């Protein structure tokens, strides 16, 4: 058996024994709680709130990382255009 941690709203962070083949999709349906105590309502609520906050922050970090990547790409493209324009200005000046 494996000890797995569940994150359902009813049993957030609660550990249980499960079949080792669960991840392979060939589950033998073995299940037993690792800890006998369920926890209080406020503990469950606090864990759910923290879990949801972590999910929101993770999503925000992913969005910000993507925005930063896009900005860096735009900056690189702008620098290339600026360099090309500068080269063109020098070329025209030398022709003058």
PDB file of N, CA and C in Angstrom:
ATOM      1  N   UNK A   1       0.839  -1.199   0.000  1.00  0.00           N
ATOM      2  CA  UNK A   1       0.000   0.000   0.000  1.00  0.00           C
ATOM      3  C   UNK A   1       0.875   1.251   0.000  1.00  0.00           C
ATOM      4  N   UNK A   2       0.279   2.334  -0.443  1.00  0.00           N
ATOM      5  CA  UNK A   2       0.916   3.651  -0.419  1.00  0.00           C
ATOM      6  C   UNK A   2       0.146   4.554   0.523  1.00  0.00           C
ATOM      7  N   UNK A   3       0.833   5.543   1.090  1.00  0.00           N
ATOM      8  CA  UNK A   3       0.149   6.584   1.843  1.00  0.00           C
ATOM      9  C   UNK A   3       0.025   7.773   0.902  1.00  0.00           C
ATOM     10  N   UNK A   4      -1.214   8.213   0.689  1.00  0.00           N
ATOM     11  CA  UNK A   4      -1.518   9.295  -0.234  1.00  0.00           C
ATOM     12  C   UNK A   4      -2.208  10.406   0.535  1.00  0.00           C
ATOM     13  N   UNK A   5      -2.030  11.636   0.079  1.00  0.00           N
ATOM     14  CA  UNK A   5      -2.669  12.770   0.733  1.00  0.00           C
ATOM     15  C   UNK A   5      -3.772  13.295  -0.171  1.00  0.00           C
ATOM     16  N   UNK A   6      -4.985  13.338   0.369  1.00  0.00           N
ATOM     17  CA  UNK A   6      -6.122  13.830  -0.393  1.00  0.00           C
ATOM     18  C   UNK A   6      -6.307  15.328  -0.207  1.00  0.00           C
ATOM     19  N   UNK A   7      -6.909  15.950  -1.209  1.00  0.00           N
ATOM     20  CA  UNK A   7      -7.187  17.389  -1.124  1.00  0.00           C
ATOM     21  C   UNK A   7      -8.616  17.696  -1.540  1.00  0.00           C
ATOM     22  N   UNK A   8      -9.544  16.829  -1.143  1.00  0.00           N
ATOM     23  CA  UNK A   8     -10.948  17.117  -1.407  1.00  0.00           C
ATOM     24  C   UNK A   8     -11.433  18.135  -0.381  1.00  0.00           C
ATOM     25  N   UNK A   9     -12.547  18.793  -0.679  1.00  0.00           N
ATOM     26  CA  UNK A   9     -13.095  19.759   0.277  1.00  0.00           C
ATOM     27  C   UNK A   9     -13.524  19.082   1.575  1.00  0.00           C
ATOM     28  N   UNK A  10     -13.970  17.848   1.480  1.00  0.00           N
ATOM     29  CA  UNK A  10     -14.418  17.135   2.677  1.00  0.00           C
ATOM     30  C   UNK A  10     -13.240  16.684   3.538  1.00  0.00           C
ATOM     31  N   UNK A  11     -12.133  16.331   2.920  1.00  0.00           N
ATOM     32  CA  UNK A  11     -10.975  15.801   3.650  1.00  0.00           C
ATOM     33  C   UNK A  11      -9.667  16.434   3.167  1.00  0.00           C
ATOM     34  N   UNK A  12      -9.521  17.744   3.333  1.00  0.00           N
ATOM     35  CA  UNK A  12      -8.290  18.381   2.853  1.00  0.00           C
ATOM     36  C   UNK A  12      -7.080  17.942   3.666  1.00  0.00           C
ATOM     37  N   UNK A  13      -6.031  17.581   2.985  1.00  0.00           N
ATOM     38  CA  UNK A  13      -4.753  17.215   3.600  1.00  0.00           C
ATOM     39  C   UNK A  13      -4.827  15.929   4.421  1.00  0.00           C
ATOM     40  N   UNK A  14      -5.886  15.174   4.249  1.00  0.00           N
ATOM     41  CA  UNK A  14      -6.034  13.940   5.018  1.00  0.00           C
ATOM     42  C   UNK A  14      -5.321  12.803   4.301  1.00  0.00           C
ATOM     43  N   UNK A  15      -4.554  12.032   5.063  1.00  0.00           N
ATOM     44  CA  UNK A  15      -3.776  10.949   4.480  1.00  0.00           C
ATOM     45  C   UNK A  15      -4.530   9.627   4.572  1.00  0.00           C
ATOM     46  N   UNK A  16      -4.319   8.807   3.538  1.00  0.00           N
ATOM     47  CA  UNK A  16      -4.978   7.504   3.509  1.00  0.00           C
ATOM     48  C   UNK A  16      -4.084   6.483   2.817  1.00  0.00           C
ATOM     49  N   UNK A  17      -4.353   5.228   3.127  1.00  0.00           N
ATOM     50  CA  UNK A  17      -3.666   4.125   2.458  1.00  0.00           C
ATOM     51  C   UNK A  17      -4.421   3.825   1.170  1.00  0.00           C
ATOM     52  N   UNK A  18      -3.669   3.560   0.121  1.00  0.00           N
ATOM     53  CA  UNK A  18      -4.300   3.171  -1.144  1.00  0.00           C
ATOM     54  C   UNK A  18      -3.453   2.096  -1.810  1.00  0.00           C
ATOM     55  N   UNK A  19      -4.041   1.471  -2.789  1.00  0.00           N
ATOM     56  CA  UNK A  19      -3.351   0.427  -3.534  1.00  0.00           C
ATOM     57  C   UNK A  19      -2.164   1.026  -4.285  1.00  0.00           C
ATOM     58  N   UNK A  20      -1.061   0.298  -4.344  1.00  0.00           N
ATOM     59  CA  UNK A  20       0.134   0.771  -5.050  1.00  0.00           C
ATOM     60  C   UNK A  20      -0.115   0.926  -6.543  1.00  0.00           C
ATOM     61  N   UNK A  21      -1.099   0.234  -7.059  1.00  0.00           N
ATOM     62  CA  UNK A  21      -1.387   0.273  -8.497  1.00  0.00           C
ATOM     63  C   UNK A  21      -2.329   1.415  -8.863  1.00  0.00           C
ATOM     64  N   UNK A  22      -2.706   2.264  -7.882  1.00  0.00           N
ATOM     65  CA  UNK A  22      -3.651   3.358  -8.118  1.00  0.00           C
ATOM     66  C   UNK A  22      -3.184   4.266  -9.251  1.00  0.00           C
ATOM     67  N   UNK A  23      -1.906   4.648  -9.245  1.00  0.00           N
ATOM     68  CA  UNK A  23      -1.373   5.561 -10.260  1.00  0.00           C
ATOM     69  C   UNK A  23      -1.281   4.906 -11.636  1.00  0.00           C
ATOM     70  N   UNK A  24      -1.278   3.599 -11.678  1.00  0.00           N
ATOM     71  CA  UNK A  24      -1.190   2.883 -12.953  1.00  0.00           C
ATOM     72  C   UNK A  24      -2.563   2.660 -13.580  1.00  0.00           C
ATOM     73  N   UNK A  25      -3.611   3.034 -12.849  1.00  0.00           N
ATOM     74  CA  UNK A  25      -4.963   2.831 -13.352  1.00  0.00           C
ATOM     75  C   UNK A  25      -5.463   1.411 -13.158  1.00  0.00           C
ATOM     76  N   UNK A  26      -4.724   0.616 -12.415  1.00  0.00           N
ATOM     77  CA  UNK A  26      -5.081  -0.783 -12.169  1.00  0.00           C
ATOM     78  C   UNK A  26      -5.328  -0.958 -10.674  1.00  0.00           C
ATOM     79  N   UNK A  27      -6.185  -0.126 -10.124  1.00  0.00           N
ATOM     80  CA  UNK A  27      -6.420  -0.044  -8.685  1.00  0.00           C
ATOM     81  C   UNK A  27      -7.144  -1.282  -8.166  1.00  0.00           C
ATOM     82  N   UNK A  28      -6.704  -1.775  -7.006  1.00  0.00           N
ATOM     83  CA  UNK A  28      -7.362  -2.919  -6.373  1.00  0.00           C
ATOM     84  C   UNK A  28      -8.474  -2.459  -5.424  1.00  0.00           C
ATOM     85  N   UNK A  29      -8.716  -1.133  -5.366  1.00  0.00           N
ATOM     86  CA  UNK A  29      -9.777  -0.522  -4.551  1.00  0.00           C
ATOM     87  C   UNK A  29      -9.530  -0.609  -3.047  1.00  0.00           C
ATOM     88  N   UNK A  30      -8.284  -0.847  -2.638  1.00  0.00           N
ATOM     89  CA  UNK A  30      -7.989  -0.850  -1.204  1.00  0.00           C
ATOM     90  C   UNK A  30      -7.961   0.589  -0.712  1.00  0.00           C
ATOM     91  N   UNK A  31      -8.611   0.840   0.426  1.00  0.00           N
ATOM     92  CA  UNK A  31      -8.656   2.178   0.998  1.00  0.00           C
ATOM     93  C   UNK A  31      -8.817   2.079   2.503  1.00  0.00           C
ATOM     94  N   UNK A  32      -8.019   2.853   3.237  1.00  0.00           N
ATOM     95  CA  UNK A  32      -8.174   2.983   4.687  1.00  0.00           C
ATOM     96  C   UNK A  32      -7.528   4.299   5.089  1.00  0.00           C
ATOM     97  N   UNK A  33      -8.119   4.954   6.071  1.00  0.00           N
ATOM     98  CA  UNK A  33      -7.534   6.208   6.539  1.00  0.00           C
ATOM     99  C   UNK A  33      -6.224   5.928   7.258  1.00  0.00           C
ATOM    100  N   UNK A  34      -5.236   6.747   7.014  1.00  0.00           N
ATOM    101  CA  UNK A  34      -3.948   6.663   7.700  1.00  0.00           C
ATOM    102  C   UNK A  34      -4.098   7.199   9.114  1.00  0.00           C
ATOM    103  N   UNK A  35      -4.809   8.324   9.219  1.00  0.00           N
ATOM    104  CA  UNK A  35      -5.089   8.907  10.530  1.00  0.00           C
ATOM    105  C   UNK A  35      -6.569   8.676  10.833  1.00  0.00           C
ATOM    106  N   UNK A  36      -6.854   8.393  12.060  1.00  0.00           N
ATOM    107  CA  UNK A  36      -8.235   8.089  12.442  1.00  0.00           C
ATOM    108  C   UNK A  36      -9.055   9.349  12.680  1.00  0.00           C
ATOM    109  N   UNK A  37      -8.392  10.453  12.967  1.00  0.00           N
ATOM    110  CA  UNK A  37      -9.104  11.677  13.305  1.00  0.00           C
ATOM    111  C   UNK A  37      -9.388  12.491  12.054  1.00  0.00           C
ATOM    112  N   UNK A  38     -10.616  12.962  11.940  1.00  0.00           N
ATOM    113  CA  UNK A  38     -11.043  13.703  10.764  1.00  0.00           C
ATOM    114  C   UNK A  38     -10.643  15.168  10.808  1.00  0.00           C
ATOM    115  N   UNK A  39     -10.541  15.766  11.944  1.00  0.00           N
ATOM    116  CA  UNK A  39     -10.255  17.191  12.055  1.00  0.00           C
ATOM    117  C   UNK A  39     -11.541  17.966  12.273  1.00  0.00           C
ATOM    118  N   UNK A  40     -11.395  19.156  12.795  1.00  0.00           N
ATOM    119  CA  UNK A  40     -12.570  19.975  13.085  1.00  0.00           C
ATOM    120  C   UNK A  40     -12.992  20.752  11.842  1.00  0.00           C
ATOM    121  N   UNK A  41     -14.191  21.338  11.917  1.00  0.00           N
ATOM    122  CA  UNK A  41     -14.697  22.131  10.790  1.00  0.00           C
ATOM    123  C   UNK A  41     -13.770  23.293  10.463  1.00  0.00           C
ATOM    124  N   UNK A  42     -13.311  23.992  11.486  1.00  0.00           N
ATOM    125  CA  UNK A  42     -12.476  25.165  11.213  1.00  0.00           C
ATOM    126  C   UNK A  42     -11.130  24.754  10.625  1.00  0.00           C
ATOM    127  N   UNK A  43     -10.614  23.579  11.028  1.00  0.00           N
ATOM    128  CA  UNK A  43      -9.360  23.099  10.436  1.00  0.00           C
ATOM    129  C   UNK A  43      -9.548  22.792   8.951  1.00  0.00           C
ATOM    130  N   UNK A  44     -10.655  22.114   8.628  1.00  0.00           N
ATOM    131  CA  UNK A  44     -10.935  21.816   7.219  1.00  0.00           C
ATOM    132  C   UNK A  44     -11.095  23.103   6.428  1.00  0.00           C
ATOM    133  N   UNK A  45     -11.847  24.046   6.983  1.00  0.00           N
ATOM    134  CA  UNK A  45     -12.078  25.321   6.302  1.00  0.00           C
ATOM    135  C   UNK A  45     -10.764  26.065   6.080  1.00  0.00           C
ATOM    136  N   UNK A  46      -9.906  26.086   7.088  1.00  0.00           N
ATOM    137  CA  UNK A  46      -8.614  26.777   6.969  1.00  0.00           C
ATOM    138  C   UNK A  46      -7.744  26.123   5.895  1.00  0.00           C
ATOM    139  N   UNK A  47      -7.710  24.803   5.879  1.00  0.00           N
ATOM    140  CA  UNK A  47      -6.915  24.096   4.870  1.00  0.00           C
ATOM    141  C   UNK A  47      -7.449  24.342   3.461  1.00  0.00           C
ATOM    142  N   UNK A  48      -8.768  24.344   3.317  1.00  0.00           N
ATOM    143  CA  UNK A  48      -9.370  24.596   2.005  1.00  0.00           C
ATOM    144  C   UNK A  48      -9.046  26.013   1.538  1.00  0.00           C
ATOM    145  N   UNK A  49      -9.146  26.983   2.447  1.00  0.00           N
ATOM    146  CA  UNK A  49      -8.840  28.370   2.084  1.00  0.00           C
ATOM    147  C   UNK A  49      -7.382  28.524   1.658  1.00  0.00           C
ATOM    148  N   UNK A  50      -6.481  27.906   2.392  1.00  0.00           N
ATOM    149  CA  UNK A  50      -5.057  27.984   2.045  1.00  0.00           C
ATOM    150  C   UNK A  50      -4.803  27.282   0.714  1.00  0.00           C
ATOM    151  N   UNK A  51      -5.404  26.117   0.515  1.00  0.00           N
ATOM    152  CA  UNK A  51      -5.248  25.396  -0.751  1.00  0.00           C
ATOM    153  C   UNK A  51      -5.710  26.257  -1.924  1.00  0.00           C
ATOM    154  N   UNK A  52      -6.888  26.883  -1.771  1.00  0.00           N
ATOM    155  CA  UNK A  52      -7.425  27.718  -2.846  1.00  0.00           C
ATOM    156  C   UNK A  52      -6.551  28.945  -3.093  1.00  0.00           C
ATOM    157  N   UNK A  53      -6.021  29.523  -2.023  1.00  0.00           N
ATOM    158  CA  UNK A  53      -5.130  30.679  -2.164  1.00  0.00           C
ATOM    159  C   UNK A  53      -3.843  30.282  -2.902  1.00  0.00           C
ATOM    160  N   UNK A  54      -3.320  29.122  -2.581  1.00  0.00           N
ATOM    161  CA  UNK A  54      -2.113  28.635  -3.267  1.00  0.00           C
ATOM    162  C   UNK A  54      -2.406  28.437  -4.754  1.00  0.00           C
ATOM    163  N   UNK A  55      -3.564  27.863  -5.073  1.00  0.00           N
ATOM    164  CA  UNK A  55      -3.937  27.672  -6.481  1.00  0.00           C
ATOM    165  C   UNK A  55      -4.028  29.014  -7.206  1.00  0.00           C
ATOM    166  N   UNK A  56      -4.655  30.008  -6.562  1.00  0.00           N
ATOM    167  CA  UNK A  56      -4.783  31.337  -7.175  1.00  0.00           C
ATOM    168  C   UNK A  56      -3.411  31.970  -7.382  1.00  0.00           C
ATOM    169  N   UNK A  57      -2.558  31.874  -6.372  1.00  0.00           N
ATOM    170  CA  UNK A  57      -1.220  32.459  -6.482  1.00  0.00           C
ATOM    171  C   UNK A  57      -0.391  31.761  -7.554  1.00  0.00           C
ATOM    172  N   UNK A  58      -0.530  30.448  -7.649  1.00  0.00           N
ATOM    173  CA  UNK A  58       0.189  29.702  -8.683  1.00  0.00           C
ATOM    174  C   UNK A  58      -0.258  30.151 -10.069  1.00  0.00           C
ATOM    175  N   UNK A  59      -1.564  30.322 -10.245  1.00  0.00           N
ATOM    176  CA  UNK A  59      -2.094  30.787 -11.533  1.00  0.00           C
ATOM    177  C   UNK A  59      -1.591  32.199 -11.838  1.00  0.00           C
ATOM    178  N   UNK A  60      -1.588  33.069 -10.840  1.00  0.00           N
ATOM    179  CA  UNK A  60      -1.099  34.437 -11.024  1.00  0.00           C
ATOM    180  C   UNK A  60       0.380  34.438 -11.404  1.00  0.00           C
ATOM    181  N   UNK A  61       1.169  33.617 -10.746  1.00  0.00           N
ATOM    182  CA  UNK A  61       2.605  33.517 -11.056  1.00  0.00           C
ATOM    183  C   UNK A  61       2.799  33.058 -12.501  1.00  0.00           C
ATOM    184  N   UNK A  62       2.005  32.081 -12.935  1.00  0.00           N
ATOM    185  CA  UNK A  62       2.105  31.606 -14.320  1.00  0.00           C
ATOM    186  C   UNK A  62       1.772  32.726 -15.304  1.00  0.00           C
ATOM    187  N   UNK A  63       0.718  33.506 -15.003  1.00  0.00           N
ATOM    188  CA  UNK A  63       0.329  34.614 -15.877  1.00  0.00           C
ATOM    189  C   UNK A  63       1.416  35.692 -15.911  1.00  0.00           C
ATOM    190  N   UNK A  64       1.972  36.024 -14.761  1.00  0.00           N
ATOM    191  CA  UNK A  64       3.022  37.039 -14.701  1.00  0.00           C
ATOM    192  C   UNK A  64       4.284  36.573 -15.416  1.00  0.00           C
ATOM    193  N   UNK A  65       4.613  35.304 -15.268  1.00  0.00           N
ATOM    194  CA  UNK A  65       5.784  34.751 -15.955  1.00  0.00           C
ATOM    195  C   UNK A  65       5.605  34.848 -17.467  1.00  0.00           C
ATOM    196  N   UNK A  66       4.405  34.548 -17.945  1.00  0.00           N
ATOM    197  CA  UNK A  66       4.113  34.656 -19.373  1.00  0.00           C
ATOM    198  C   UNK A  66       4.214  36.111 -19.831  1.00  0.00           C
ATOM    199  N   UNK A  67       3.670  37.039 -19.037  1.00  0.00           N
ATOM    200  CA  UNK A  67       3.751  38.463 -19.385  1.00  0.00           C
ATOM    201  C   UNK A  67       5.195  38.936 -19.456  1.00  0.00           C
ATOM    202  N   UNK A  68       6.000  38.523 -18.506  1.00  0.00           N
ATOM    203  CA  UNK A  68       7.419  38.904 -18.498  1.00  0.00           C
ATOM    204  C   UNK A  68       8.111  38.358 -19.738  1.00  0.00           C
ATOM    205  N   UNK A  69       7.822  37.120 -20.077  1.00  0.00           N
ATOM    206  CA  UNK A  69       8.424  36.504 -21.260  1.00  0.00           C
ATOM    207  C   UNK A  69       8.041  37.271 -22.525  1.00  0.00           C
ATOM    208  N   UNK A  70       6.768  37.649 -22.635  1.00  0.00           N
ATOM    209  CA  UNK A  70       6.313  38.419 -23.795  1.00  0.00           C
ATOM    210  C   UNK A  70       6.990  39.786 -23.840  1.00  0.00           C
ATOM    211  N   UNK A  71       7.124  40.443 -22.692  1.00  0.00           N
ATOM    212  CA  UNK A  71       7.783  41.753 -22.640  1.00  0.00           C
ATOM    213  C   UNK A  71       9.246  41.652 -23.035  1.00  0.00           C
ATOM    214  N   UNK A  72       9.920  40.613 -22.566  1.00  0.00           N
ATOM    215  CA  UNK A  72      11.328  40.422 -22.931  1.00  0.00           C
ATOM    216  C   UNK A  72      11.474  40.212 -24.433  1.00  0.00           C
ATOM    217  N   UNK A  73      10.565  39.438 -25.000  1.00  0.00           N
ATOM    218  CA  UNK A  73      10.597  39.196 -26.442  1.00  0.00           C
ATOM    219  C   UNK A  73      10.351  40.490 -27.213  1.00  0.00           C
ATOM    220  N   UNK A  74       9.373  41.269 -26.761  1.00  0.00           N
ATOM    221  CA  UNK A  74       9.088  42.557 -27.406  1.00  0.00           C
ATOM    222  C   UNK A  74      10.277  43.500 -27.301  1.00  0.00           C
ATOM    223  N   UNK A  75      10.939  43.512 -26.161  1.00  0.00           N
ATOM    224  CA  UNK A  75      12.109  44.370 -25.969  1.00  0.00           C
ATOM    225  C   UNK A  75      13.239  43.946 -26.897  1.00  0.00           C
ATOM    226  N   UNK A  76      13.464  42.651 -27.013  1.00  0.00           N
ATOM    227  CA  UNK A  76      14.511  42.159 -27.922  1.00  0.00           C
ATOM    228  C   UNK A  76      14.206  42.569 -29.360  1.00  0.00           C
ATOM    229  N   UNK A  77      12.941  42.429 -29.760  1.00  0.00           N
ATOM    230  CA  UNK A  77      12.553  42.821 -31.119  1.00  0.00           C
ATOM    231  C   UNK A  77      12.738  44.316 -31.337  1.00  0.00           C
ATOM    232  N   UNK A  78      12.403  45.116 -30.330  1.00  0.00           N
ATOM    233  CA  UNK A  78      12.573  46.570 -30.435  1.00  0.00           C
ATOM    234  C   UNK A  78      14.049  46.919 -30.554  1.00  0.00           C
ATOM    235  N   UNK A  79      14.891  46.251 -29.784  1.00  0.00           N
ATOM    236  CA  UNK A  79      16.327  46.524 -29.852  1.00  0.00           C
ATOM    237  C   UNK A  79      16.890  46.168 -31.224  1.00  0.00           C
ATOM    238  N   UNK A  80      16.397  45.096 -31.815  1.00  0.00           N
ATOM    239  CA  UNK A  80      16.851  44.709 -33.156  1.00  0.00           C
ATOM    240  C   UNK A  80      16.466  45.790 -34.158  1.00  0.00           C
ATOM    241  N   UNK A  81      15.220  46.262 -34.086  1.00  0.00           N
ATOM    242  CA  UNK A  81      14.759  47.320 -34.990  1.00  0.00           C
ATOM    243  C   UNK A  81      15.562  48.590 -34.759  1.00  0.00           C
ATOM    244  N   UNK A  82      15.789  48.955 -33.504  1.00  0.00           N
ATOM    245  CA  UNK A  82      16.576  50.155 -33.191  1.00  0.00           C
ATOM    246  C   UNK A  82      17.989  50.037 -33.753  1.00  0.00           C
ATOM    247  N   UNK A  83      18.602  48.872 -33.604  1.00  0.00           N
ATOM    248  CA  UNK A  83      19.955  48.656 -34.137  1.00  0.00           C
ATOM    249  C   UNK A  83      19.964  48.788 -35.656  1.00  0.00           C
ATOM    250  N   UNK A  84      18.940  48.237 -36.304  1.00  0.00           N
ATOM    251  CA  UNK A  84      18.857  48.334 -37.761  1.00  0.00           C
ATOM    252  C   UNK A  84      18.681  49.787 -38.193  1.00  0.00           C
ATOM    253  N   UNK A  85      17.840  50.532 -37.473  1.00  0.00           N
ATOM    254  CA  UNK A  85      17.635  51.949 -37.791  1.00  0.00           C
ATOM    255  C   UNK A  85      18.921  52.743 -37.582  1.00  0.00           C
ATOM    256  N   UNK A  86      19.629  52.431 -36.514  1.00  0.00           N
ATOM    257  CA  UNK A  86      20.888  53.122 -36.236  1.00  0.00           C
ATOM    258  C   UNK A  86      21.902  52.847 -37.345  1.00  0.00           C
ATOM    259  N   UNK A  87      21.990  51.596 -37.773  1.00  0.00           N
ATOM    260  CA  UNK A  87      22.901  51.241 -38.867  1.00  0.00           C
ATOM    261  C   UNK A  87      22.535  51.997 -40.140  1.00  0.00           C
ATOM    262  N   UNK A  88      21.246  52.114 -40.408  1.00  0.00           N
ATOM    263  CA  UNK A  88      20.782  52.833 -41.599  1.00  0.00           C
ATOM    264  C   UNK A  88      21.137  54.312 -41.514  1.00  0.00           C
ATOM    265  N   UNK A  89      20.993  54.904 -40.350  1.00  0.00           N
ATOM    266  CA  UNK A  89      21.339  56.319 -40.158  1.00  0.00           C
ATOM    267  C   UNK A  89      22.827  56.528 -40.391  1.00  0.00           C
ATOM    268  N   UNK A  90      23.673  55.667 -39.830  1.00  0.00           N
ATOM    269  CA  UNK A  90      25.127  55.790 -40.034  1.00  0.00           C
ATOM    270  C   UNK A  90      25.494  55.620 -41.510  1.00  0.00           C
ATOM    271  N   UNK A  91      24.843  54.672 -42.175  1.00  0.00           N
ATOM    272  CA  UNK A  91      25.121  54.436 -43.589  1.00  0.00           C
ATOM    273  C   UNK A  91      24.785  55.678 -44.418  1.00  0.00           C
ATOM    274  N   UNK A  92      23.626  56.277 -44.144  1.00  0.00           N
ATOM    275  CA  UNK A  92      23.226  57.478 -44.881  1.00  0.00           C
ATOM    276  C   UNK A  92      24.155  58.642 -44.572  1.00  0.00           C
ATOM    277  N   UNK A  93      24.582  58.744 -43.330  1.00  0.00           N
ATOM    278  CA  UNK A  93      25.496  59.824 -42.952  1.00  0.00           C
ATOM    279  C   UNK A  93      26.828  59.672 -43.681  1.00  0.00           C
ATOM    280  N   UNK A  94      27.317  58.433 -43.771  1.00  0.00           N
ATOM    281  CA  UNK A  94      28.585  58.185 -44.461  1.00  0.00           C
ATOM    282  C   UNK A  94      28.468  58.480 -45.954  1.00  0.00           C
ATOM    283  N   UNK A  95      27.290  58.240 -46.524  1.00  0.00           N
ATOM    284  CA  UNK A  95      27.080  58.536 -47.938  1.00  0.00           C
ATOM    285  C   UNK A  95      27.048  60.037 -48.187  1.00  0.00           C
ATOM    286  N   UNK A  96      26.645  60.780 -47.207  1.00  0.00           N
ATOM    287  CA  UNK A  96      26.523  62.222 -47.327  1.00  0.00           C
ATOM    288  C   UNK A  96      27.890  62.805 -47.415  1.00  0.00           C
TER     289      UNK A  96
END
